[in-house]
Protein backbone atom coordinates (compact mmCIF):
# COMPACT_ATOMS: atom_id res chain seq x y z
CA MET A 1 7.67 9.60 -9.92
CA SER A 2 7.75 5.93 -8.96
CA SER A 3 4.55 3.89 -8.87
CA TYR A 4 3.99 1.03 -6.46
CA GLN A 5 1.50 -1.83 -6.59
CA PHE A 6 -0.08 -2.40 -3.18
CA ARG A 7 -1.81 -5.58 -2.02
CA CYS A 8 -3.30 -5.85 1.45
CA PRO A 9 -2.44 -9.14 3.20
CA GLU A 10 -5.74 -9.07 5.13
CA CYS A 11 -8.49 -7.99 2.72
CA VAL A 12 -6.51 -8.71 -0.50
CA SER A 13 -7.44 -5.31 -2.00
CA GLN A 14 -5.06 -3.96 -4.64
CA LEU A 15 -4.23 -0.53 -6.00
CA THR A 16 -1.39 1.44 -7.57
CA LEU A 17 0.08 4.30 -5.56
CA GLU A 18 2.66 7.03 -6.18
CA ARG A 19 5.51 7.46 -3.68
CA PRO A 20 3.81 10.09 -1.41
CA GLU A 21 0.66 7.94 -1.19
CA ARG A 22 2.82 4.89 -0.39
CA VAL A 23 4.40 6.70 2.57
CA ALA A 24 0.98 7.79 3.88
CA THR A 25 -0.39 4.25 3.49
CA LEU A 26 2.55 2.78 5.42
CA GLU A 27 1.77 5.19 8.27
CA SER A 28 -2.02 4.78 8.31
CA GLY A 29 -2.57 1.18 7.16
CA CYS A 30 -4.67 -0.30 4.39
CA PRO A 31 -7.03 2.33 2.93
CA PHE A 32 -9.75 -0.33 2.60
CA CYS A 33 -9.70 -2.23 5.91
CA GLY A 34 -7.19 -0.32 8.07
CA SER A 35 -4.89 -3.30 8.66
CA PRO A 36 -1.26 -2.47 9.43
CA ILE A 37 1.06 -2.94 6.46
CA THR A 38 4.80 -3.10 5.80
CA PRO A 39 7.03 -2.22 2.84
CA ALA A 40 6.82 -5.91 1.87
CA ASN A 41 3.19 -5.30 0.81
CA PHE A 42 4.38 -3.12 -2.10
CA ALA A 43 6.00 -3.97 -5.42
CA THR A 44 7.33 -1.57 -8.04
CA ALA A 45 4.64 -1.15 -10.70
């Protein structure tokens, strides 16, 4: 399964997510501050 490195553009929090978590995060926003995010906020880990 692919891993993705996430970085929030608002609160600058970082974490590594698997694909299902990435999809959920795109739908719900940053898990730390709730800011909306886009696929551009992820990089392949």
